[in-house]
Amino acid sequence: MQFRASPRVSAVLWIVAACLTMMLLEGADSSHARGCKLGKFDDQNPPKACWRPFSGESPFNRKLPESPSQATASPLIGATTAGFGPGPRFEAGDGGTSDDYNHPVYFSSRNDPAYEVQCVAFGGGCEISGDRVHIPKHAYPAGGDDGHLGVIDQSSGWQYDFWQVRERSPAGGPLVISFGGRTRIGSPGSDGLGSNATAAHFATSAGAIRAEELRTGLIDHALFMTVPCTSGRSVWPAGDGVGSVCSKNALAPAMGQHFFLDMSNQEIEGLDVPGWQKTIFLAMANYGLFVGDTGGPAWGLKLWTGSLRPGGPDPWVQLAQRLNVPSYIADDGTTRYSFDMRQSLDWSLRLRVAEPCVSRRTC
């Protein structure tokens, strides 16, 4: 077992400072409180940074202990995972393109068009086949092959998650998808697990970074982590999916593996990197990252994407411009903004793996 220098006092001060920052940015009034409560979110009232999907019992919403028990060969699994590629990097401006593999998530109401779910992969049928789901007209899936789409139905208290969404009528009707699932949200004990649209059966909102969180400087939950391939095993809180399996898998990560950044808050605050990177690193150190899917040439993170207003600007592009994130012109002519953390740390020395009992709170 290795120990991290992450004093509890430092963590408390970090949270207090971040909350004070949010109050100054958002205003300490009733509208701030409404922006943190599920049930009233829509295009004109998106959630503020203080809102977290699922209850405090979700493994995504529980902090790591100061000295988490580490899995056998934790440093080697961390180094193997870091060796998949140079490290995490994500982009703004790729929404709707074939490079978009993020998680668009939208809030629906009873006034939105209704669709009947039809699952067509794996012989047809899935747990939500035949379910009637309200989806906003302007909600579109990710443009990449995964075609993910998440819809939080605030009237029913379900989050629906879809994999490989086909075209649909804006007026409602059939919703043809390859596969999907659902999980409770907004109720005691809701945890973001068991929704069958990602390899780990995590909800698409679970662990996804929102632009508003990065803007205000506080990510108050664990992150959704992707890796190119796994060891062929799954551990809690993942379901039984394992995704793509590595050809040499002895030290590859398992699906659901709970990684964390082996750094103290003081070390992170002392880094010579932009503030948005420190915000992500603090979440990695205090909450960790759960392996939720496979794909891509390196390990990475998932973003909560999708414009909340019909025809409105992309909040991630707006944030990138505000933060002066470097941009470039992609081959398709779109302007992309690169949130690049690849060279910020020696990831092979900093990525560690917690025992599954840490996530379960049994050790």
Protein backbone atom coordinates (compact mmCIF):
# COMPACT_ATOMS: atom_id res chain seq x y z
CA MET A 1 0.00 0.00 0.00
CA GLN A 2 1.23 3.49 -0.83
CA PHE A 3 0.19 6.67 0.94
CA ARG A 4 -0.62 10.02 -0.57
CA ALA A 5 0.02 13.36 1.01
CA SER A 6 -3.52 14.72 0.73
CA PRO A 7 -4.45 16.27 4.09
CA ARG A 8 -8.18 16.48 4.79
CA VAL A 9 -7.78 20.16 5.68
CA SER A 10 -6.50 20.90 2.19
CA ALA A 11 -9.48 19.14 0.63
CA VAL A 12 -11.93 21.09 2.77
CA LEU A 13 -10.27 24.39 1.91
CA TRP A 14 -10.41 23.49 -1.79
CA ILE A 15 -14.15 22.78 -1.63
CA VAL A 16 -14.87 25.94 0.38
CA ALA A 17 -12.88 28.08 -2.06
CA ALA A 18 -14.61 26.52 -5.06
CA CYS A 19 -18.06 27.00 -3.53
CA LEU A 20 -17.30 30.65 -2.75
CA THR A 21 -16.18 31.09 -6.35
CA MET A 22 -19.45 29.61 -7.63
CA MET A 23 -21.45 31.90 -5.37
CA LEU A 24 -19.62 34.93 -6.70
CA LEU A 25 -20.01 33.81 -10.32
CA GLU A 26 -23.62 32.68 -10.11
CA GLY A 27 -25.01 34.87 -7.34
CA ALA A 28 -26.10 33.54 -3.95
CA ASP A 29 -29.84 33.77 -4.56
CA SER A 30 -32.83 31.54 -5.14
CA SER A 31 -31.99 31.11 -8.82
CA HIS A 32 -28.70 29.52 -7.77
CA ALA A 33 -30.57 27.02 -5.63
CA ARG A 34 -32.98 26.23 -8.47
CA GLY A 35 -30.01 25.61 -10.76
CA CYS A 36 -28.90 22.77 -8.49
CA LYS A 37 -32.19 20.86 -8.28
CA LEU A 38 -33.39 18.30 -10.80
CA GLY A 39 -36.93 18.70 -12.06
CA LYS A 40 -36.93 22.21 -13.49
CA PHE A 41 -34.06 22.06 -15.98
CA ASP A 42 -34.72 23.03 -19.57
CA ASP A 43 -33.20 25.02 -22.44
CA GLN A 44 -33.57 28.29 -20.56
CA ASN A 45 -32.59 26.92 -17.15
CA PRO A 46 -29.65 24.50 -17.52
CA PRO A 47 -28.06 23.07 -14.37
CA LYS A 48 -25.35 25.04 -12.65
CA ALA A 49 -22.03 23.55 -11.62
CA CYS A 50 -23.37 22.67 -8.17
CA TRP A 51 -25.72 19.99 -9.57
CA ARG A 52 -24.54 16.38 -9.66
CA PRO A 53 -26.35 13.53 -11.40
CA PHE A 54 -27.43 10.80 -8.96
CA SER A 55 -27.37 10.59 -5.20
CA GLY A 56 -24.52 10.84 -2.74
CA GLU A 57 -24.49 7.03 -2.61
CA SER A 58 -23.34 6.78 -6.22
CA PRO A 59 -19.72 5.59 -6.48
CA PHE A 60 -19.17 8.58 -8.78
CA ASN A 61 -20.13 10.97 -5.98
CA ARG A 62 -18.08 9.50 -3.14
CA LYS A 63 -14.63 10.79 -2.31
CA LEU A 64 -11.64 8.55 -2.03
CA PRO A 65 -10.23 8.00 1.46
CA GLU A 66 -6.93 9.74 2.17
CA SER A 67 -4.97 6.52 1.70
CA PRO A 68 -7.02 4.20 -0.52
CA SER A 69 -6.12 0.52 -0.59
CA GLN A 70 -4.42 -0.16 -3.89
CA ALA A 71 -5.01 -3.09 -6.20
CA THR A 72 -2.30 -5.68 -6.70
CA ALA A 73 0.23 -4.38 -9.25
CA SER A 74 -1.39 -0.93 -9.07
CA PRO A 75 1.72 0.98 -10.29
CA LEU A 76 2.21 -1.45 -13.17
CA ILE A 77 -1.44 -1.26 -14.26
CA GLY A 78 -1.16 2.53 -14.09
CA ALA A 79 2.02 2.52 -16.17
CA THR A 80 0.48 0.11 -18.70
CA THR A 81 -2.58 2.33 -19.06
CA ALA A 82 -0.43 5.45 -19.41
CA GLY A 83 1.56 3.57 -22.05
CA PHE A 84 -1.51 3.24 -24.29
CA GLY A 85 -0.83 6.79 -25.47
CA PRO A 86 0.47 10.19 -24.43
CA GLY A 87 -2.41 10.98 -22.09
CA PRO A 88 -5.79 12.70 -21.97
CA ARG A 89 -6.80 15.26 -24.55
CA PHE A 90 -10.26 16.35 -25.62
CA GLU A 91 -11.62 18.83 -28.11
CA ALA A 92 -14.34 21.42 -28.44
CA GLY A 93 -15.86 22.09 -31.83
CA ASP A 94 -16.18 18.49 -33.00
CA GLY A 95 -19.86 18.17 -32.04
CA GLY A 96 -21.88 16.46 -34.76
CA THR A 97 -18.78 15.43 -36.71
CA SER A 98 -17.49 11.89 -37.23
CA ASP A 99 -14.87 12.62 -34.54
CA ASP A 100 -17.52 13.14 -31.85
CA TYR A 101 -17.48 10.26 -29.37
CA ASN A 102 -18.69 12.19 -26.35
CA HIS A 103 -21.96 11.96 -24.42
CA PRO A 104 -24.70 14.41 -25.43
CA VAL A 105 -27.26 14.51 -22.61
CA TYR A 106 -30.53 16.47 -22.63
CA PHE A 107 -33.39 17.16 -20.22
CA SER A 108 -36.91 16.39 -21.42
CA SER A 109 -40.43 17.27 -20.33
CA ARG A 110 -43.93 16.00 -21.08
CA ASN A 111 -44.25 18.68 -23.76
CA ASP A 112 -41.48 17.16 -25.89
CA PRO A 113 -42.26 14.69 -28.70
CA ALA A 114 -42.75 11.09 -27.58
CA TYR A 115 -40.88 8.14 -29.09
CA GLU A 116 -41.22 4.39 -28.78
CA VAL A 117 -37.84 2.69 -28.38
CA GLN A 118 -36.89 -0.08 -30.80
CA CYS A 119 -33.61 -1.96 -30.15
CA VAL A 120 -32.26 -3.76 -33.21
CA ALA A 121 -28.77 -5.11 -32.35
CA PHE A 122 -27.90 -8.53 -30.88
CA GLY A 123 -31.00 -10.18 -32.25
CA GLY A 124 -33.30 -7.29 -31.34
CA GLY A 125 -34.78 -6.25 -28.04
CA CYS A 126 -33.31 -4.68 -24.91
CA GLU A 127 -34.63 -3.69 -21.48
CA ILE A 128 -36.16 -0.45 -22.78
CA SER A 129 -37.75 -1.89 -25.93
CA GLY A 130 -41.25 -0.49 -26.19
CA ASP A 131 -40.67 2.26 -23.63
CA ARG A 132 -42.22 5.62 -24.46
CA VAL A 133 -39.65 8.40 -24.03
CA HIS A 134 -40.00 12.17 -24.43
CA ILE A 135 -37.03 13.69 -26.30
CA PRO A 136 -36.47 17.38 -27.17
CA LYS A 137 -36.62 18.10 -30.91
CA HIS A 138 -33.12 19.60 -30.86
CA ALA A 139 -31.49 16.62 -29.08
CA TYR A 140 -29.01 14.94 -31.40
CA PRO A 141 -26.68 11.98 -30.82
CA ALA A 142 -22.91 12.15 -31.01
CA GLY A 143 -21.67 12.17 -34.61
CA GLY A 144 -19.20 9.26 -34.25
CA ASP A 145 -20.00 5.59 -34.78
CA ASP A 146 -21.16 5.13 -31.16
CA GLY A 147 -23.97 7.64 -31.68
CA HIS A 148 -24.58 8.01 -27.94
CA LEU A 149 -27.52 10.03 -26.64
CA GLY A 150 -28.72 10.46 -23.07
CA VAL A 151 -32.14 11.83 -22.11
CA ILE A 152 -33.08 12.68 -18.54
CA ASP A 153 -36.86 12.41 -18.21
CA GLN A 154 -37.52 14.61 -15.19
CA SER A 155 -41.21 13.68 -14.99
CA SER A 156 -40.57 9.95 -14.67
CA GLY A 157 -37.26 10.06 -12.81
CA TRP A 158 -35.45 7.93 -15.38
CA GLN A 159 -32.32 8.61 -17.39
CA TYR A 160 -32.48 6.84 -20.75
CA ASP A 161 -29.24 6.04 -22.57
CA PHE A 162 -29.06 5.08 -26.23
CA TRP A 163 -26.27 3.56 -28.30
CA GLN A 164 -26.15 4.13 -32.06
CA VAL A 165 -29.24 6.27 -32.53
CA ARG A 166 -30.74 6.25 -36.03
CA GLU A 167 -32.54 9.18 -37.64
CA ARG A 168 -35.95 9.99 -36.19
CA SER A 169 -38.89 12.23 -36.97
CA PRO A 170 -38.91 15.54 -35.07
CA ALA A 171 -42.62 14.99 -34.43
CA GLY A 172 -42.15 11.71 -32.52
CA GLY A 173 -42.75 8.09 -33.45
CA PRO A 174 -40.28 5.19 -33.45
CA LEU A 175 -36.78 5.65 -32.02
CA VAL A 176 -34.52 3.04 -33.60
CA ILE A 177 -31.30 2.31 -31.71
CA SER A 178 -28.81 -0.52 -31.58
CA PHE A 179 -29.06 -0.90 -27.81
CA GLY A 180 -29.77 1.03 -24.64
CA GLY A 181 -30.87 1.08 -21.04
CA ARG A 182 -32.06 3.27 -18.23
CA THR A 183 -31.25 4.10 -14.61
CA ARG A 184 -32.99 6.03 -11.87
CA ILE A 185 -32.06 9.68 -11.34
CA GLY A 186 -33.13 12.30 -8.83
CA SER A 187 -34.15 9.80 -6.14
CA PRO A 188 -32.43 8.50 -2.99
CA GLY A 189 -30.06 5.69 -3.89
CA SER A 190 -29.85 6.57 -7.60
CA ASP A 191 -26.33 5.64 -8.66
CA GLY A 192 -25.89 5.93 -12.45
CA LEU A 193 -25.30 2.20 -12.85
CA GLY A 194 -27.03 -0.54 -14.83
CA SER A 195 -27.89 1.49 -17.93
CA ASN A 196 -26.83 -0.60 -20.89
CA ALA A 197 -25.52 1.87 -23.49
CA THR A 198 -21.85 1.89 -22.47
CA ALA A 199 -19.56 -1.11 -21.99
CA ALA A 200 -19.54 -0.72 -18.19
CA HIS A 201 -23.32 -0.09 -18.10
CA PHE A 202 -22.71 3.40 -16.69
CA ALA A 203 -25.20 6.16 -17.49
CA THR A 204 -23.91 8.53 -20.15
CA SER A 205 -24.06 11.40 -17.65
CA ALA A 206 -22.08 9.53 -14.98
CA GLY A 207 -18.61 11.02 -14.72
CA ALA A 208 -18.96 13.18 -17.84
CA ILE A 209 -17.40 16.63 -17.44
CA ARG A 210 -19.74 19.57 -18.01
CA ALA A 211 -18.49 22.86 -19.42
CA GLU A 212 -20.14 24.71 -16.53
CA GLU A 213 -18.09 22.69 -14.03
CA LEU A 214 -14.84 23.55 -15.74
CA ARG A 215 -15.86 27.19 -16.03
CA THR A 216 -16.49 27.56 -12.31
CA GLY A 217 -13.48 25.50 -11.26
CA LEU A 218 -15.15 22.59 -9.44
CA ILE A 219 -15.77 19.03 -10.60
CA ASP A 220 -17.42 17.43 -7.60
CA HIS A 221 -17.45 13.80 -8.79
CA ALA A 222 -15.36 11.00 -10.30
CA LEU A 223 -14.72 10.97 -14.05
CA PHE A 224 -15.72 8.60 -16.87
CA MET A 225 -12.50 7.11 -18.28
CA THR A 226 -11.99 5.34 -21.60
CA VAL A 227 -9.14 2.99 -22.53
CA PRO A 228 -8.26 1.34 -25.86
CA CYS A 229 -8.79 -2.16 -24.43
CA THR A 230 -9.19 -4.05 -21.17
CA SER A 231 -7.88 -7.18 -19.46
CA GLY A 232 -11.11 -9.00 -20.31
CA ARG A 233 -12.38 -8.67 -16.75
CA SER A 234 -14.93 -6.38 -15.17
CA VAL A 235 -15.02 -5.20 -11.57
CA TRP A 236 -17.65 -3.30 -9.59
CA PRO A 237 -19.21 -0.80 -10.24
CA ALA A 238 -19.17 -1.96 -13.88
CA GLY A 239 -21.63 -4.54 -15.18
CA ASP A 240 -20.48 -7.64 -17.03
CA GLY A 241 -19.30 -5.87 -20.19
CA VAL A 242 -15.56 -5.86 -20.90
CA GLY A 243 -15.35 -3.93 -24.20
CA SER A 244 -12.41 -4.59 -26.52
CA VAL A 245 -9.85 -6.94 -24.95
CA CYS A 246 -6.09 -6.33 -25.19
CA SER A 247 -4.02 -9.01 -26.92
CA LYS A 248 -1.50 -8.79 -24.08
CA ASN A 249 -3.74 -8.23 -21.11
CA ALA A 250 -1.95 -9.31 -17.94
CA LEU A 251 -1.54 -5.72 -16.73
CA ALA A 252 -4.29 -4.05 -18.74
CA PRO A 253 -7.06 -2.30 -16.78
CA ALA A 254 -10.33 -4.05 -16.02
CA MET A 255 -13.68 -2.55 -17.01
CA GLY A 256 -14.89 -0.53 -14.03
CA GLN A 257 -11.36 -0.16 -12.64
CA HIS A 258 -11.09 2.77 -10.21
CA PHE A 259 -8.04 4.83 -11.08
CA PHE A 260 -6.86 7.88 -9.17
CA LEU A 261 -4.16 10.52 -9.50
CA ASP A 262 -1.47 9.95 -6.87
CA MET A 263 -0.93 13.62 -6.00
CA SER A 264 -1.87 15.85 -3.10
CA ASN A 265 -3.99 18.95 -3.55
CA GLN A 266 -0.96 21.08 -2.70
CA GLU A 267 1.11 19.41 -5.41
CA ILE A 268 -1.63 20.02 -7.96
CA GLU A 269 -2.08 23.66 -6.99
CA GLY A 270 1.68 24.15 -7.38
CA LEU A 271 1.76 22.88 -10.98
CA ASP A 272 2.59 25.35 -13.74
CA VAL A 273 -0.48 24.49 -15.81
CA PRO A 274 -3.72 26.34 -16.67
CA GLY A 275 -6.41 26.46 -14.00
CA TRP A 276 -8.82 24.27 -15.99
CA GLN A 277 -6.26 21.46 -15.86
CA LYS A 278 -5.92 21.80 -12.10
CA THR A 279 -9.69 21.48 -11.78
CA ILE A 280 -9.60 18.14 -13.62
CA PHE A 281 -6.54 16.92 -11.72
CA LEU A 282 -8.20 17.70 -8.37
CA ALA A 283 -11.21 15.60 -9.37
CA MET A 284 -8.87 12.78 -10.40
CA ALA A 285 -7.05 12.93 -7.05
CA ASN A 286 -10.06 13.33 -4.77
CA TYR A 287 -12.69 11.20 -6.56
CA GLY A 288 -10.79 9.21 -9.18
CA LEU A 289 -11.76 7.86 -12.61
CA PHE A 290 -13.82 4.78 -13.51
CA VAL A 291 -13.12 2.84 -16.71
CA GLY A 292 -16.46 2.93 -18.53
CA ASP A 293 -15.75 2.10 -22.18
CA THR A 294 -13.12 1.16 -24.73
CA GLY A 295 -12.02 2.86 -27.94
CA GLY A 296 -9.47 5.29 -29.32
CA PRO A 297 -5.67 5.08 -29.46
CA ALA A 298 -5.06 6.31 -25.89
CA TRP A 299 -6.86 6.65 -22.57
CA GLY A 300 -9.18 9.61 -22.23
CA LEU A 301 -12.22 11.25 -20.63
CA LYS A 302 -15.86 11.81 -21.61
CA LEU A 303 -17.58 15.18 -21.90
CA TRP A 304 -21.23 16.05 -21.38
CA THR A 305 -21.98 17.74 -24.70
CA GLY A 306 -24.89 19.06 -26.72
CA SER A 307 -26.15 22.61 -27.00
CA LEU A 308 -28.89 23.19 -24.42
CA ARG A 309 -30.59 25.81 -26.57
CA PRO A 310 -32.00 25.05 -30.05
CA GLY A 311 -29.60 26.54 -32.57
CA GLY A 312 -27.58 28.02 -29.73
CA PRO A 313 -23.79 28.15 -29.39
CA ASP A 314 -21.78 25.17 -28.21
CA PRO A 315 -20.97 25.79 -24.52
CA TRP A 316 -17.67 23.94 -24.90
CA VAL A 317 -16.60 26.21 -27.76
CA GLN A 318 -17.60 29.25 -25.72
CA LEU A 319 -15.55 27.98 -22.79
CA ALA A 320 -12.52 27.22 -24.97
CA GLN A 321 -12.60 30.74 -26.37
CA ARG A 322 -12.93 32.23 -22.90
CA LEU A 323 -9.95 30.19 -21.65
CA ASN A 324 -7.84 30.93 -24.76
CA VAL A 325 -7.46 27.23 -25.49
CA PRO A 326 -5.31 26.67 -28.63
CA SER A 327 -7.31 26.11 -31.81
CA TYR A 328 -6.71 24.67 -35.27
CA ILE A 329 -8.64 24.01 -38.48
CA ALA A 330 -9.57 20.35 -38.93
CA ASP A 331 -9.64 18.53 -42.28
CA ASP A 332 -13.41 19.05 -42.49
CA GLY A 333 -12.94 22.81 -42.18
CA THR A 334 -14.31 23.12 -38.64
CA THR A 335 -12.44 25.03 -35.94
CA ARG A 336 -11.37 22.76 -33.11
CA TYR A 337 -10.07 23.72 -29.67
CA SER A 338 -7.61 21.36 -28.02
CA PHE A 339 -7.82 20.81 -24.23
CA ASP A 340 -4.48 19.03 -24.04
CA MET A 341 -3.11 17.50 -20.81
CA ARG A 342 -0.73 15.01 -22.38
CA GLN A 343 2.51 16.70 -21.37
CA SER A 344 1.35 18.16 -18.07
CA LEU A 345 2.33 15.13 -15.95
CA ASP A 346 4.35 11.95 -16.11
CA TRP A 347 1.18 9.87 -16.14
CA SER A 348 3.07 6.58 -15.84
CA LEU A 349 4.21 7.65 -12.37
CA ARG A 350 0.96 9.21 -11.22
CA LEU A 351 -1.85 6.84 -12.24
CA ARG A 352 -2.79 4.35 -9.52
CA VAL A 353 -5.60 1.81 -9.09
CA ALA A 354 -7.81 1.45 -6.02
CA GLU A 355 -9.14 -1.91 -4.87
CA PRO A 356 -12.81 -2.46 -5.80
CA CYS A 357 -13.60 -2.61 -2.08
CA VAL A 358 -12.77 1.12 -1.90
CA SER A 359 -15.62 1.91 -4.30
CA ARG A 360 -17.93 -0.41 -2.35
CA ARG A 361 -16.83 1.13 0.98
CA THR A 362 -16.00 -2.27 2.42
CA CYS A 363 -12.34 -1.58 3.16
